[in-house]
N, C-alpha and C. Protein backbone atom coordinates (compact mmCIF):
# COMPACT_ATOMS: atom_id res chain seq x y z
N MET A 1 0.72 -1.55 -0.28
CA MET A 1 -0.46 -0.20 0.11
C MET A 1 0.82 1.40 0.36
N LYS A 2 0.72 1.64 -0.58
CA LYS A 2 1.26 3.40 -0.83
C LYS A 2 0.76 4.75 -0.15
N ILE A 3 1.99 4.96 0.53
CA ILE A 3 1.58 6.45 1.64
C ILE A 3 1.87 7.42 0.92
N ILE A 4 1.15 8.18 1.06
CA ILE A 4 0.74 9.49 -0.15
C ILE A 4 1.01 11.14 0.91
N GLY A 5 1.74 11.77 1.04
CA GLY A 5 1.55 12.62 2.43
C GLY A 5 1.02 13.85 1.71
N HIS A 6 -0.45 13.93 2.67
CA HIS A 6 -0.81 15.63 2.04
C HIS A 6 -0.70 16.41 2.57
N ARG A 7 -0.62 17.17 1.61
CA ARG A 7 -0.07 18.49 1.66
C ARG A 7 1.57 18.43 2.36
N GLY A 8 1.97 17.12 1.45
CA GLY A 8 3.38 17.19 2.19
C GLY A 8 3.38 16.68 3.30
N ALA A 9 3.23 16.92 4.28
CA ALA A 9 3.04 16.26 5.92
C ALA A 9 2.21 17.49 6.89
N ARG A 10 0.78 17.42 6.16
CA ARG A 10 0.54 19.18 6.74
C ARG A 10 -0.24 18.61 8.52
N GLY A 11 -0.07 17.62 8.98
CA GLY A 11 -0.08 17.47 10.32
C GLY A 11 0.81 17.40 10.98
N LEU A 12 2.39 17.82 10.75
CA LEU A 12 3.49 17.83 11.05
C LEU A 12 4.55 18.45 10.71
N ALA A 13 3.76 20.38 9.90
CA ALA A 13 4.30 20.76 9.66
C ALA A 13 3.36 21.93 8.40
N PRO A 14 3.65 23.14 8.48
CA PRO A 14 2.39 23.82 7.47
C PRO A 14 2.32 23.66 5.87
N GLU A 15 1.03 23.34 5.86
CA GLU A 15 0.70 22.56 4.75
C GLU A 15 1.51 23.61 3.73
N ASN A 16 1.37 22.50 2.01
CA ASN A 16 1.90 22.61 1.17
C ASN A 16 2.99 24.04 0.94
N THR A 17 3.49 23.67 1.62
CA THR A 17 5.28 24.44 2.02
C THR A 17 6.20 23.19 1.61
N ILE A 18 7.72 24.17 1.28
CA ILE A 18 8.65 23.42 1.22
C ILE A 18 8.88 22.69 2.45
N ALA A 19 8.68 23.50 3.77
CA ALA A 19 9.20 22.56 4.82
C ALA A 19 7.92 21.01 5.19
N SER A 20 7.50 21.52 4.55
CA SER A 20 6.21 20.09 4.88
C SER A 20 6.27 18.82 3.81
N LEU A 21 6.67 19.42 2.46
CA LEU A 21 7.19 18.01 1.77
C LEU A 21 8.88 17.51 1.80
N LYS A 22 9.51 18.21 2.74
CA LYS A 22 10.20 17.80 3.25
C LYS A 22 10.09 16.85 4.61
N LYS A 23 9.33 17.20 5.45
CA LYS A 23 8.83 16.39 6.53
C LYS A 23 8.16 15.16 6.24
N GLY A 24 7.07 15.42 4.66
CA GLY A 24 7.30 13.95 4.49
C GLY A 24 7.79 13.05 3.81
N LEU A 25 8.54 13.69 3.60
CA LEU A 25 10.08 12.75 3.10
C LEU A 25 10.96 12.16 3.91
N GLU A 26 11.04 13.04 4.94
CA GLU A 26 11.59 12.46 6.29
C GLU A 26 11.30 10.97 6.65
N HIS A 27 9.84 11.61 6.43
CA HIS A 27 9.10 9.92 6.98
C HIS A 27 8.22 9.08 6.11
N HIS A 28 9.36 8.80 4.82
CA HIS A 28 9.35 8.02 3.89
C HIS A 28 8.19 7.88 3.26
N VAL A 29 7.57 8.86 2.78
CA VAL A 29 6.12 8.51 2.27
C VAL A 29 6.78 7.73 0.22
N ASP A 30 5.34 7.60 -0.04
CA ASP A 30 5.96 6.84 -1.43
C ASP A 30 5.73 7.50 -2.62
N MET A 31 4.67 8.94 -2.06
CA MET A 31 4.31 10.13 -2.56
C MET A 31 4.52 11.81 -1.86
N LEU A 32 4.62 12.26 -2.82
CA LEU A 32 4.41 13.91 -2.01
C LEU A 32 2.89 14.74 -2.98
N GLU A 33 2.01 14.18 -2.50
CA GLU A 33 0.42 15.64 -2.26
C GLU A 33 0.93 17.13 -2.13
N PHE A 34 -0.07 17.67 -3.26
CA PHE A 34 0.49 19.33 -3.40
C PHE A 34 -0.57 19.01 -4.13
N ASP A 35 -1.48 20.68 -3.47
CA ASP A 35 -2.02 21.30 -4.86
C ASP A 35 -1.91 22.84 -5.54
N LEU A 36 -2.45 22.98 -6.24
CA LEU A 36 -1.67 24.34 -7.03
C LEU A 36 -2.89 25.20 -7.76
N ARG A 37 -2.32 26.37 -7.38
CA ARG A 37 -3.29 27.47 -8.03
C ARG A 37 -2.40 28.44 -8.81
N VAL A 38 -3.07 29.42 -9.78
CA VAL A 38 -2.77 30.51 -10.13
C VAL A 38 -3.04 31.62 -9.98
N THR A 39 -1.65 32.80 -9.76
CA THR A 39 -1.97 33.46 -9.28
C THR A 39 -2.34 34.27 -10.47
N GLN A 40 -2.69 35.93 -9.65
CA GLN A 40 -2.87 36.51 -11.20
C GLN A 40 -1.71 36.80 -12.01
N ASP A 41 -1.21 36.74 -11.74
CA ASP A 41 0.30 37.20 -12.96
C ASP A 41 0.58 36.18 -13.37
N GLY A 42 0.01 34.71 -13.28
CA GLY A 42 0.52 33.33 -13.89
C GLY A 42 1.68 32.60 -13.30
N ILE A 43 1.70 32.70 -12.22
CA ILE A 43 2.44 32.13 -11.10
C ILE A 43 1.83 31.07 -10.50
N VAL A 44 2.43 29.75 -10.53
CA VAL A 44 1.96 28.76 -10.18
C VAL A 44 2.67 28.22 -8.96
N ILE A 45 1.14 28.24 -7.52
CA ILE A 45 1.61 28.27 -6.66
C ILE A 45 1.23 26.76 -5.75
N LEU A 46 1.48 26.51 -4.78
CA LEU A 46 0.70 25.70 -3.68
C LEU A 46 0.40 26.35 -2.75
N HIS A 47 -0.94 25.99 -2.81
CA HIS A 47 -2.34 26.61 -2.29
C HIS A 47 -3.65 25.72 -2.49
N HIS A 48 -4.42 25.56 -1.03
CA HIS A 48 -5.88 24.62 -1.07
C HIS A 48 -6.50 25.59 -1.51
N ASP A 49 -6.90 26.47 -0.62
CA ASP A 49 -8.00 27.11 -1.22
C ASP A 49 -8.03 28.47 -1.80
N PRO A 50 -9.12 28.51 -2.72
CA PRO A 50 -8.93 29.74 -3.16
C PRO A 50 -8.77 31.07 -3.17
N ASP A 51 -8.32 31.47 -2.08
CA ASP A 51 -7.98 32.54 -1.25
C ASP A 51 -7.03 32.51 -0.08
N LEU A 52 -6.09 33.99 0.20
CA LEU A 52 -5.37 33.41 1.14
C LEU A 52 -5.73 34.52 2.24
N THR A 53 -5.53 34.36 3.64
CA THR A 53 -5.94 35.29 4.32
C THR A 53 -5.02 35.60 5.31
N ASP A 54 -4.50 37.05 4.90
CA ASP A 54 -3.16 37.37 5.26
C ASP A 54 -3.49 38.06 6.53
N PRO A 55 -2.42 38.07 7.34
CA PRO A 55 -1.90 38.56 9.02
C PRO A 55 -3.29 39.33 9.46
N ASN A 56 -4.09 40.14 8.83
CA ASN A 56 -4.66 40.68 9.39
C ASN A 56 -5.79 40.60 9.04
N GLY A 57 -6.03 39.13 8.61
CA GLY A 57 -7.49 38.38 8.49
C GLY A 57 -8.54 38.89 7.05
N LYS A 58 -7.98 39.64 6.48
CA LYS A 58 -8.00 40.04 4.87
C LYS A 58 -8.46 38.87 4.15
N GLN A 59 -9.51 38.11 3.20
CA GLN A 59 -9.20 37.59 2.59
C GLN A 59 -8.61 37.80 0.82
N GLN A 60 -7.45 37.20 0.23
CA GLN A 60 -6.68 37.55 -0.98
C GLN A 60 -7.37 36.71 -1.90
N LEU A 61 -8.09 36.95 -3.12
CA LEU A 61 -8.02 36.17 -3.82
C LEU A 61 -7.00 35.48 -4.96
N ILE A 62 -6.60 34.82 -4.96
CA ILE A 62 -5.48 33.97 -5.33
C ILE A 62 -5.38 34.55 -7.37
N SER A 63 -6.41 34.47 -7.89
CA SER A 63 -6.95 34.45 -8.75
C SER A 63 -6.99 35.70 -9.66
N GLU A 64 -7.27 36.51 -8.34
CA GLU A 64 -6.76 38.74 -8.53
C GLU A 64 -5.66 38.97 -7.93
N THR A 65 -4.96 38.46 -7.44
CA THR A 65 -3.55 38.93 -6.85
C THR A 65 -2.65 38.50 -6.91
N SER A 66 -1.35 39.54 -7.05
CA SER A 66 0.05 39.19 -8.08
C SER A 66 0.56 38.40 -6.75
N TYR A 67 1.39 37.46 -7.57
CA TYR A 67 2.17 36.85 -6.71
C TYR A 67 3.09 37.29 -5.28
N SER A 68 3.63 38.68 -5.70
CA SER A 68 4.18 39.07 -5.02
C SER A 68 3.69 39.62 -3.58
N THR A 69 2.58 39.93 -4.37
CA THR A 69 1.62 40.50 -2.89
C THR A 69 1.25 39.27 -2.18
N LEU A 70 0.98 37.96 -2.30
CA LEU A 70 0.37 37.39 -1.30
C LEU A 70 1.87 36.61 -0.39
N LYS A 71 3.03 36.77 -1.80
CA LYS A 71 4.00 36.07 -0.63
C LYS A 71 4.72 37.03 0.46
N ASN A 72 4.09 38.50 -0.13
CA ASN A 72 4.61 39.68 1.03
C ASN A 72 3.26 39.21 2.44
N HIS A 73 2.54 38.62 2.21
CA HIS A 73 1.59 38.05 3.23
C HIS A 73 2.03 36.70 4.12
N LYS A 74 2.60 35.81 3.07
CA LYS A 74 3.01 34.28 3.34
C LYS A 74 4.58 34.14 2.73
N LYS A 75 5.07 34.43 3.78
CA LYS A 75 6.51 33.91 3.64
C LYS A 75 6.91 32.85 2.98
N ASP A 76 6.07 31.90 3.57
CA ASP A 76 6.89 30.18 3.26
C ASP A 76 5.19 29.87 1.78
N LEU A 77 4.99 30.79 1.37
CA LEU A 77 4.90 30.63 0.00
C LEU A 77 5.34 29.78 -1.01
N ALA A 78 5.17 29.13 -1.65
CA ALA A 78 6.16 28.22 -2.61
C ALA A 78 5.15 27.94 -3.48
N THR A 79 6.25 28.27 -4.89
CA THR A 79 5.77 27.93 -5.91
C THR A 79 6.13 26.69 -6.84
N PHE A 80 5.16 26.71 -7.83
CA PHE A 80 5.70 25.36 -8.02
C PHE A 80 7.08 24.90 -8.50
N GLU A 81 7.42 25.52 -9.32
CA GLU A 81 9.42 25.57 -9.75
C GLU A 81 9.73 25.42 -8.71
N GLU A 82 9.91 25.69 -7.65
CA GLU A 82 10.19 25.98 -6.25
C GLU A 82 10.71 24.85 -5.42
N VAL A 83 9.65 24.12 -6.07
CA VAL A 83 9.60 22.84 -5.51
C VAL A 83 10.24 21.75 -6.32
N LEU A 84 9.81 21.99 -7.39
CA LEU A 84 10.89 21.14 -8.58
C LEU A 84 12.35 21.40 -8.46
N ASP A 85 12.91 22.58 -8.39
CA ASP A 85 14.00 22.13 -8.37
C ASP A 85 14.59 21.63 -6.95
N GLU A 86 13.94 22.67 -5.48
CA GLU A 86 14.33 22.13 -4.10
C GLU A 86 14.32 20.59 -4.05
N ILE A 87 12.93 19.89 -4.02
CA ILE A 87 12.29 18.85 -3.72
C ILE A 87 13.01 17.90 -4.84
N GLY A 88 12.55 18.21 -5.96
CA GLY A 88 13.20 17.19 -7.46
C GLY A 88 12.33 16.05 -7.06
N HIS A 89 12.43 14.65 -7.53
CA HIS A 89 11.73 13.67 -7.82
C HIS A 89 12.48 12.13 -7.22
N PRO A 90 12.55 12.51 -5.52
CA PRO A 90 12.66 11.42 -4.99
C PRO A 90 12.18 10.81 -4.74
N VAL A 91 10.59 11.10 -5.07
CA VAL A 91 9.27 9.90 -5.09
C VAL A 91 8.28 10.84 -5.94
N THR A 92 7.04 10.17 -6.38
CA THR A 92 6.71 10.71 -6.98
C THR A 92 5.81 11.86 -6.51
N LEU A 93 5.79 12.91 -7.31
CA LEU A 93 4.76 13.61 -6.89
C LEU A 93 3.89 14.53 -7.82
N TYR A 94 2.72 14.28 -6.44
CA TYR A 94 1.13 14.22 -6.55
C TYR A 94 1.09 15.07 -6.70
N VAL A 95 0.43 15.43 -7.98
CA VAL A 95 -0.55 17.18 -8.07
C VAL A 95 -1.70 16.91 -8.19
N GLU A 96 -2.72 17.77 -7.30
CA GLU A 96 -3.78 18.09 -7.42
C GLU A 96 -3.93 18.79 -7.69
N VAL A 97 -4.62 19.64 -9.28
CA VAL A 97 -4.97 20.81 -9.61
C VAL A 97 -6.58 21.19 -9.28
N LYS A 98 -6.08 22.34 -8.80
CA LYS A 98 -8.17 22.47 -7.74
C LYS A 98 -9.01 22.90 -9.23
N PRO A 99 -10.36 23.07 -8.62
CA PRO A 99 -10.98 22.94 -10.00
C PRO A 99 -10.75 24.65 -10.28
N GLY A 100 -11.31 24.82 -11.06
CA GLY A 100 -11.04 26.63 -11.70
C GLY A 100 -10.17 26.78 -12.31
N GLU A 101 -9.10 26.37 -11.84
CA GLU A 101 -7.46 26.51 -12.08
C GLU A 101 -7.07 26.98 -13.94
N PRO A 102 -6.35 27.78 -14.32
CA PRO A 102 -6.04 27.73 -15.97
C PRO A 102 -4.97 26.15 -15.62
N THR A 103 -4.92 25.70 -16.47
CA THR A 103 -4.03 24.94 -16.96
C THR A 103 -2.93 24.57 -17.50
N ALA A 104 -3.03 25.83 -18.46
CA ALA A 104 -1.67 26.39 -19.61
C ALA A 104 -0.33 26.17 -18.41
N PRO A 105 -0.69 27.31 -17.64
CA PRO A 105 0.84 27.40 -17.06
C PRO A 105 1.53 26.29 -16.65
N ILE A 106 0.36 25.16 -15.37
CA ILE A 106 0.66 24.18 -15.13
C ILE A 106 1.32 23.34 -16.71
N ILE A 107 0.76 23.33 -17.45
CA ILE A 107 1.25 22.41 -18.09
C ILE A 107 2.66 22.47 -18.96
N LYS A 108 3.03 23.78 -19.28
CA LYS A 108 3.98 24.48 -19.53
C LYS A 108 5.18 24.00 -18.99
N ILE A 109 5.02 24.17 -17.43
CA ILE A 109 5.88 24.17 -16.92
C ILE A 109 6.22 22.14 -16.56
N ILE A 110 5.50 21.50 -16.69
CA ILE A 110 5.85 19.87 -16.63
C ILE A 110 6.42 19.83 -17.77
N LYS A 111 5.61 20.17 -19.33
CA LYS A 111 6.87 20.20 -20.60
C LYS A 111 7.85 20.28 -20.53
N SER A 112 7.69 21.10 -19.93
CA SER A 112 10.02 22.07 -19.75
C SER A 112 10.41 21.08 -18.69
N ARG A 113 9.54 20.06 -17.96
CA ARG A 113 10.64 19.74 -17.08
C ARG A 113 10.95 18.53 -17.85
N LEU A 114 10.33 17.72 -18.35
CA LEU A 114 10.12 16.10 -19.21
C LEU A 114 11.23 16.45 -20.08
N LYS A 115 11.48 18.07 -20.96
CA LYS A 115 12.21 17.76 -21.65
C LYS A 115 13.85 18.16 -21.34
N ASP A 116 13.62 18.72 -19.82
CA ASP A 116 15.28 18.76 -19.31
C ASP A 116 15.32 17.37 -18.67
N GLY A 117 14.05 16.19 -18.80
CA GLY A 117 15.34 15.22 -18.17
C GLY A 117 14.66 14.15 -17.61
N TRP A 118 13.06 15.20 -17.01
CA TRP A 118 12.47 14.25 -16.10
C TRP A 118 11.70 13.56 -16.76
N LYS A 119 10.86 12.85 -15.84
CA LYS A 119 10.04 11.01 -16.31
C LYS A 119 9.05 11.29 -16.22
N PRO A 120 7.89 11.19 -17.21
CA PRO A 120 6.63 10.95 -16.52
C PRO A 120 6.02 10.13 -15.84
N GLU A 121 6.60 9.37 -15.07
CA GLU A 121 6.72 8.61 -14.00
C GLU A 121 6.80 9.01 -12.75
N HIS A 122 8.13 10.23 -13.01
CA HIS A 122 8.27 11.39 -12.07
C HIS A 122 6.68 12.12 -11.20
N PHE A 123 5.56 12.15 -12.20
CA PHE A 123 4.58 13.36 -11.48
C PHE A 123 3.37 12.12 -11.91
N ARG A 124 1.96 12.99 -10.84
CA ARG A 124 0.78 11.67 -11.19
C ARG A 124 -0.27 13.38 -10.81
N LEU A 125 -0.68 13.08 -11.58
CA LEU A 125 -1.66 14.43 -12.08
C LEU A 125 -2.81 13.99 -11.50
N ALA A 126 -3.96 14.89 -10.86
CA ALA A 126 -5.52 14.48 -10.03
C ALA A 126 -6.26 16.23 -10.32
N SER A 127 -7.94 15.61 -9.75
CA SER A 127 -8.16 17.00 -9.96
C SER A 127 -9.32 15.68 -9.79
N PHE A 128 -10.64 16.91 -8.94
CA PHE A 128 -11.88 16.92 -9.04
C PHE A 128 -12.72 17.16 -9.54
N SER A 129 -11.90 17.84 -10.78
CA SER A 129 -12.90 18.53 -12.01
C SER A 129 -12.50 17.48 -13.14
N GLN A 130 -13.17 17.27 -13.97
CA GLN A 130 -13.20 16.40 -15.44
C GLN A 130 -13.00 17.41 -16.85
N PRO A 131 -13.27 18.60 -16.89
CA PRO A 131 -12.38 19.24 -17.32
C PRO A 131 -11.23 19.56 -17.26
N ILE A 132 -10.57 19.64 -16.14
CA ILE A 132 -9.49 19.92 -15.99
C ILE A 132 -8.42 18.33 -15.92
N LEU A 133 -8.98 17.22 -15.85
CA LEU A 133 -8.39 16.31 -15.89
C LEU A 133 -8.27 15.98 -17.41
N LEU A 134 -9.21 16.39 -18.49
CA LEU A 134 -9.18 16.33 -19.72
C LEU A 134 -8.41 17.06 -20.51
N GLU A 135 -7.94 18.04 -19.91
CA GLU A 135 -7.12 18.91 -20.32
C GLU A 135 -5.34 18.69 -20.29
N LEU A 136 -5.20 17.99 -18.91
CA LEU A 136 -4.49 17.70 -18.88
C LEU A 136 -3.60 16.53 -19.46
N HIS A 137 -4.83 15.42 -19.48
CA HIS A 137 -5.06 14.21 -20.55
C HIS A 137 -4.50 14.85 -22.14
N ASP A 138 -4.85 15.26 -22.25
CA ASP A 138 -4.84 15.92 -23.81
C ASP A 138 -3.05 16.00 -24.03
N ALA A 139 -3.12 17.16 -22.48
CA ALA A 139 -1.53 18.03 -22.82
C ALA A 139 -0.59 16.39 -22.65
N LEU A 140 -0.86 15.81 -22.01
CA LEU A 140 0.13 14.91 -21.14
C LEU A 140 -0.21 13.75 -21.06
N PRO A 141 -0.55 13.05 -22.31
CA PRO A 141 -1.03 11.87 -22.09
C PRO A 141 -0.45 10.67 -21.29
N ASP A 142 0.82 10.78 -21.74
CA ASP A 142 2.11 9.94 -20.90
C ASP A 142 2.09 10.02 -19.07
N ILE A 143 1.72 10.99 -18.27
CA ILE A 143 1.90 10.99 -17.24
C ILE A 143 0.35 10.39 -16.86
N THR A 144 0.51 9.28 -15.44
CA THR A 144 -0.66 9.14 -15.08
C THR A 144 -1.74 9.94 -14.18
N LYS A 145 -2.77 9.83 -14.74
CA LYS A 145 -4.28 10.74 -14.11
C LYS A 145 -5.00 10.03 -12.80
N THR A 146 -5.07 10.78 -11.84
CA THR A 146 -5.72 9.98 -10.66
C THR A 146 -7.15 10.85 -10.81
N VAL A 147 -8.31 9.94 -10.21
CA VAL A 147 -9.54 10.89 -10.21
C VAL A 147 -9.45 10.87 -9.22
N LEU A 148 -10.18 12.01 -9.07
CA LEU A 148 -10.63 12.19 -7.23
C LEU A 148 -11.80 12.15 -7.13
N GLU A 149 -12.70 11.48 -6.11
CA GLU A 149 -14.27 11.92 -5.83
C GLU A 149 -14.54 11.40 -5.06
N LYS A 150 -15.56 12.39 -4.21
CA LYS A 150 -16.04 12.66 -2.86
C LYS A 150 -16.98 11.76 -2.55
N TRP A 151 -17.51 11.15 -3.44
CA TRP A 151 -18.41 10.01 -2.63
C TRP A 151 -18.96 8.62 -4.07
N SER A 152 -19.02 9.12 -4.93
CA SER A 152 -20.16 8.33 -6.12
C SER A 152 -18.81 7.39 -7.11
N GLY A 153 -19.25 5.62 -6.85
CA GLY A 153 -18.01 5.10 -7.51
C GLY A 153 -18.53 4.82 -9.18
N VAL A 154 -19.35 5.27 -9.39
CA VAL A 154 -20.30 5.40 -10.43
C VAL A 154 -19.35 6.33 -11.65
N ARG A 155 -19.79 7.56 -10.88
CA ARG A 155 -18.96 8.93 -11.60
C ARG A 155 -18.00 9.14 -11.94
N ALA A 156 -16.74 8.08 -10.51
CA ALA A 156 -15.75 7.85 -10.84
C ALA A 156 -14.84 6.89 -11.94
N VAL A 157 -15.53 6.06 -12.15
CA VAL A 157 -15.61 5.07 -13.09
C VAL A 157 -15.68 5.82 -14.59
N TYR A 158 -16.77 6.14 -14.73
CA TYR A 158 -16.97 6.95 -16.29
C TYR A 158 -16.16 8.21 -16.27
N ARG A 159 -15.54 8.98 -14.81
CA ARG A 159 -14.24 9.50 -15.47
C ARG A 159 -13.33 9.28 -15.61
N ALA A 160 -12.90 8.18 -14.93
CA ALA A 160 -11.73 7.86 -14.97
C ALA A 160 -11.17 7.03 -16.85
N LYS A 161 -12.52 6.22 -17.09
CA LYS A 161 -12.44 5.64 -18.77
C LYS A 161 -12.64 6.92 -19.83
N GLN A 162 -12.67 8.31 -19.38
CA GLN A 162 -12.31 9.36 -20.06
C GLN A 162 -10.92 9.84 -20.22
N VAL A 163 -10.68 9.38 -19.34
CA VAL A 163 -8.74 9.80 -19.06
C VAL A 163 -8.14 8.55 -19.41
N GLU A 164 -8.75 7.40 -19.83
CA GLU A 164 -7.94 6.18 -19.88
C GLU A 164 -7.22 5.62 -18.77
N SER A 165 -7.63 6.08 -17.12
CA SER A 165 -6.97 5.88 -16.26
C SER A 165 -7.57 4.54 -15.17
N ASN A 166 -7.09 4.10 -14.48
CA ASN A 166 -8.07 3.18 -13.45
C ASN A 166 -7.64 3.02 -12.17
N HIS A 167 -6.78 4.18 -11.85
CA HIS A 167 -6.38 5.20 -10.78
C HIS A 167 -7.76 6.08 -10.33
N LEU A 168 -8.43 5.54 -8.84
CA LEU A 168 -9.30 6.50 -8.64
C LEU A 168 -9.31 6.63 -6.94
N LEU A 169 -9.41 8.08 -5.97
CA LEU A 169 -8.91 8.20 -5.41
C LEU A 169 -10.74 8.78 -4.34
N MET A 170 -10.73 8.59 -3.61
CA MET A 170 -12.09 8.00 -2.66
C MET A 170 -11.95 8.95 -1.03
N ASN A 171 -13.22 9.66 -1.11
CA ASN A 171 -12.92 9.45 0.03
C ASN A 171 -13.22 8.83 1.31
N GLN A 172 -12.57 8.42 2.29
CA GLN A 172 -12.74 7.51 2.96
C GLN A 172 -13.80 7.45 3.84
N ARG A 173 -14.72 8.30 3.83
CA ARG A 173 -15.83 8.69 4.58
C ARG A 173 -17.39 7.59 3.94
N TRP A 174 -17.00 7.66 2.67
CA TRP A 174 -17.75 6.27 2.07
C TRP A 174 -17.24 5.14 1.52
N LEU A 175 -16.07 5.04 2.01
CA LEU A 175 -15.39 3.87 1.35
C LEU A 175 -15.90 2.65 2.66
N TRP A 176 -15.68 1.75 1.98
CA TRP A 176 -16.50 0.36 2.38
C TRP A 176 -16.15 -0.81 1.92
N TRP A 177 -15.45 -1.89 2.47
CA TRP A 177 -14.75 -3.01 2.45
C TRP A 177 -15.46 -3.51 0.97
N GLY A 178 -16.73 -4.05 1.11
CA GLY A 178 -17.59 -4.38 -0.25
C GLY A 178 -16.75 -3.79 -1.77
N PHE A 179 -16.91 -2.40 -1.79
CA PHE A 179 -16.74 -1.62 -3.16
C PHE A 179 -15.20 -1.86 -3.22
N ILE A 180 -14.23 -1.55 -2.32
CA ILE A 180 -12.98 -1.51 -2.72
C ILE A 180 -12.61 -3.00 -3.49
N ALA A 181 -13.13 -4.24 -2.72
CA ALA A 181 -13.09 -5.81 -3.20
C ALA A 181 -13.46 -5.61 -4.63
N GLN A 182 -14.69 -5.39 -5.16
CA GLN A 182 -15.01 -5.44 -6.29
C GLN A 182 -14.53 -4.73 -7.55
N MET A 183 -13.88 -3.57 -6.77
CA MET A 183 -13.16 -2.57 -7.58
C MET A 183 -12.17 -2.96 -7.81
N THR A 184 -11.39 -3.65 -6.90
CA THR A 184 -9.98 -4.19 -7.10
C THR A 184 -10.52 -5.50 -8.19
N ARG A 185 -11.01 -6.06 -8.53
CA ARG A 185 -11.13 -7.51 -9.06
C ARG A 185 -11.65 -6.41 -10.20
N ARG A 186 -12.01 -5.80 -10.56
CA ARG A 186 -12.38 -5.58 -12.05
C ARG A 186 -11.45 -4.65 -12.39
N GLY A 187 -9.63 -4.29 -11.54
CA GLY A 187 -8.62 -3.68 -12.46
C GLY A 187 -8.41 -2.35 -11.72
N TYR A 188 -9.13 -1.98 -10.73
CA TYR A 188 -9.07 -0.23 -10.79
C TYR A 188 -8.61 -0.23 -9.39
N LYS A 189 -7.19 0.84 -9.28
CA LYS A 189 -6.73 0.72 -8.18
C LYS A 189 -7.19 1.91 -7.59
N ILE A 190 -7.86 1.12 -6.12
CA ILE A 190 -8.42 2.36 -4.92
C ILE A 190 -7.33 2.96 -4.13
N GLY A 191 -7.43 4.12 -3.99
CA GLY A 191 -6.88 4.75 -2.97
C GLY A 191 -7.92 5.79 -1.94
N ALA A 192 -7.75 5.93 -0.60
CA ALA A 192 -8.81 6.71 0.32
C ALA A 192 -7.76 7.67 0.55
N TYR A 193 -8.43 9.00 0.82
CA TYR A 193 -8.25 10.11 1.54
C TYR A 193 -9.16 10.99 2.44
N THR A 194 -8.86 11.15 3.45
CA THR A 194 -7.41 11.28 4.53
C THR A 194 -8.04 10.53 5.10
N VAL A 195 -7.19 9.65 5.75
CA VAL A 195 -6.54 8.24 6.15
C VAL A 195 -5.64 7.96 7.35
N ASN A 196 -6.45 8.84 8.69
CA ASN A 196 -4.95 8.95 9.67
C ASN A 196 -4.73 7.99 10.66
N ASN A 197 -5.99 6.78 10.49
CA ASN A 197 -5.89 5.84 11.40
C ASN A 197 -5.26 4.57 10.37
N PRO A 198 -3.96 3.89 11.38
CA PRO A 198 -3.57 2.96 10.50
C PRO A 198 -3.98 1.70 10.25
N ALA A 199 -4.84 1.44 11.73
CA ALA A 199 -5.59 0.19 11.89
C ALA A 199 -6.75 0.05 10.68
N GLN A 200 -7.50 1.78 10.53
CA GLN A 200 -8.46 1.62 9.56
C GLN A 200 -7.64 1.52 8.04
N ALA A 201 -6.44 1.78 8.01
CA ALA A 201 -5.65 1.30 6.66
C ALA A 201 -5.54 -0.39 6.04
N LYS A 202 -4.64 -0.13 7.40
CA LYS A 202 -5.09 -1.75 7.67
C LYS A 202 -6.27 -3.30 7.09
N ARG A 203 -7.27 -2.61 7.90
CA ARG A 203 -8.57 -3.63 7.62
C ARG A 203 -8.75 -3.62 5.91
N TRP A 204 -8.40 -2.42 5.53
CA TRP A 204 -8.83 -2.32 4.00
C TRP A 204 -8.04 -2.34 3.03
N GLN A 205 -6.86 -3.03 3.59
CA GLN A 205 -5.77 -3.33 2.20
C GLN A 205 -6.02 -5.02 2.41
N ARG A 206 -6.34 -4.98 3.39
CA ARG A 206 -6.89 -6.61 3.15
C ARG A 206 -7.75 -6.73 1.78
N TYR A 207 -8.58 -6.15 1.57
CA TYR A 207 -9.69 -5.99 0.53
C TYR A 207 -9.58 -5.28 -0.84
N GLY A 208 -7.60 -4.70 -0.46
CA GLY A 208 -7.30 -4.39 -2.30
C GLY A 208 -7.32 -3.06 -2.13
N LEU A 209 -7.10 -2.34 -0.91
CA LEU A 209 -6.80 -0.71 -0.96
C LEU A 209 -5.69 -0.37 -1.39
N ARG A 210 -5.17 0.33 -2.30
CA ARG A 210 -3.34 0.44 -2.97
C ARG A 210 -2.79 1.54 -2.40
N ALA A 211 -3.58 2.59 -1.90
CA ALA A 211 -2.99 3.97 -1.36
C ALA A 211 -3.78 4.68 -0.17
N ILE A 212 -3.78 5.55 0.22
CA ILE A 212 -3.76 6.61 1.13
C ILE A 212 -3.45 7.66 1.12
N VAL A 213 -3.84 8.77 1.60
CA VAL A 213 -3.49 10.07 1.49
C VAL A 213 -3.69 9.98 3.05
N THR A 214 -2.61 10.68 3.97
CA THR A 214 -2.98 10.82 5.14
C THR A 214 -1.79 12.11 5.46
N ASP A 215 -2.35 12.84 6.39
CA ASP A 215 -1.74 14.18 6.96
C ASP A 215 -0.29 13.48 7.88
N TYR A 216 -0.85 12.54 8.43
CA TYR A 216 0.72 11.93 9.01
C TYR A 216 1.45 10.95 8.96
N PRO A 217 2.11 11.19 8.21
CA PRO A 217 3.05 9.68 7.28
C PRO A 217 3.70 9.11 8.33
N ASP A 218 4.06 10.40 9.45
CA ASP A 218 5.13 9.20 10.31
C ASP A 218 4.50 7.90 11.39
N ARG A 219 2.80 8.16 11.32
CA ARG A 219 1.98 6.73 12.00
C ARG A 219 2.25 5.95 10.39
N PHE A 220 2.50 5.68 9.55
CA PHE A 220 2.30 5.12 9.14
C PHE A 220 4.28 3.95 8.48
N GLU A 221 4.91 4.82 9.17
CA GLU A 221 6.37 4.43 8.52
C GLU A 221 6.95 2.72 8.65
N LYS A 222 7.39 2.49 7.07
CA LYS A 222 7.53 0.97 7.40
C LYS A 222 8.84 0.68 8.10
């Protein structure tokens, strides 16, 4: 079973930062997951929410704010390119593109790295948005896509077929052993988010669970 560090290791360090990604590596994750958004001036950054709250409590909408302004309010704000330069690819980088984000700047960065010697297997591309997954698949067909799905197995399978993938990452709240076993028999690779209980993960692993996304990779060290 693959252990995927959620936003790096958000239970151990500030999420979606270089420090959090390094903390995930420190605890021997198999993959590092992080979220991408794009600023007003086209800089791809790591951030989960569509806005950033500054120290005064004011919300700055990322898509309408420059990178320099956002960086002034969040000193550890990381860009996608900084992550690729500083972290590299000791493990697969599990890149979640948030719904509504433009994919062109992200695709451009990944294509540039592929030309510089990175391999498709150094990336995994995921999204809850099917239009985004389709855009990523059209531009980067050799990189594995993962369908992120909140509750519907039927919808997850339909979406996966469109991007020629058998990787599904499902909300653990709606997972049960029968679904995992059935989908595994059908050839799908089922993962769960966000799982922080090792005992739960082990129970589901018996039925074919292939991966978990966790805030606390230290709890799952082999």
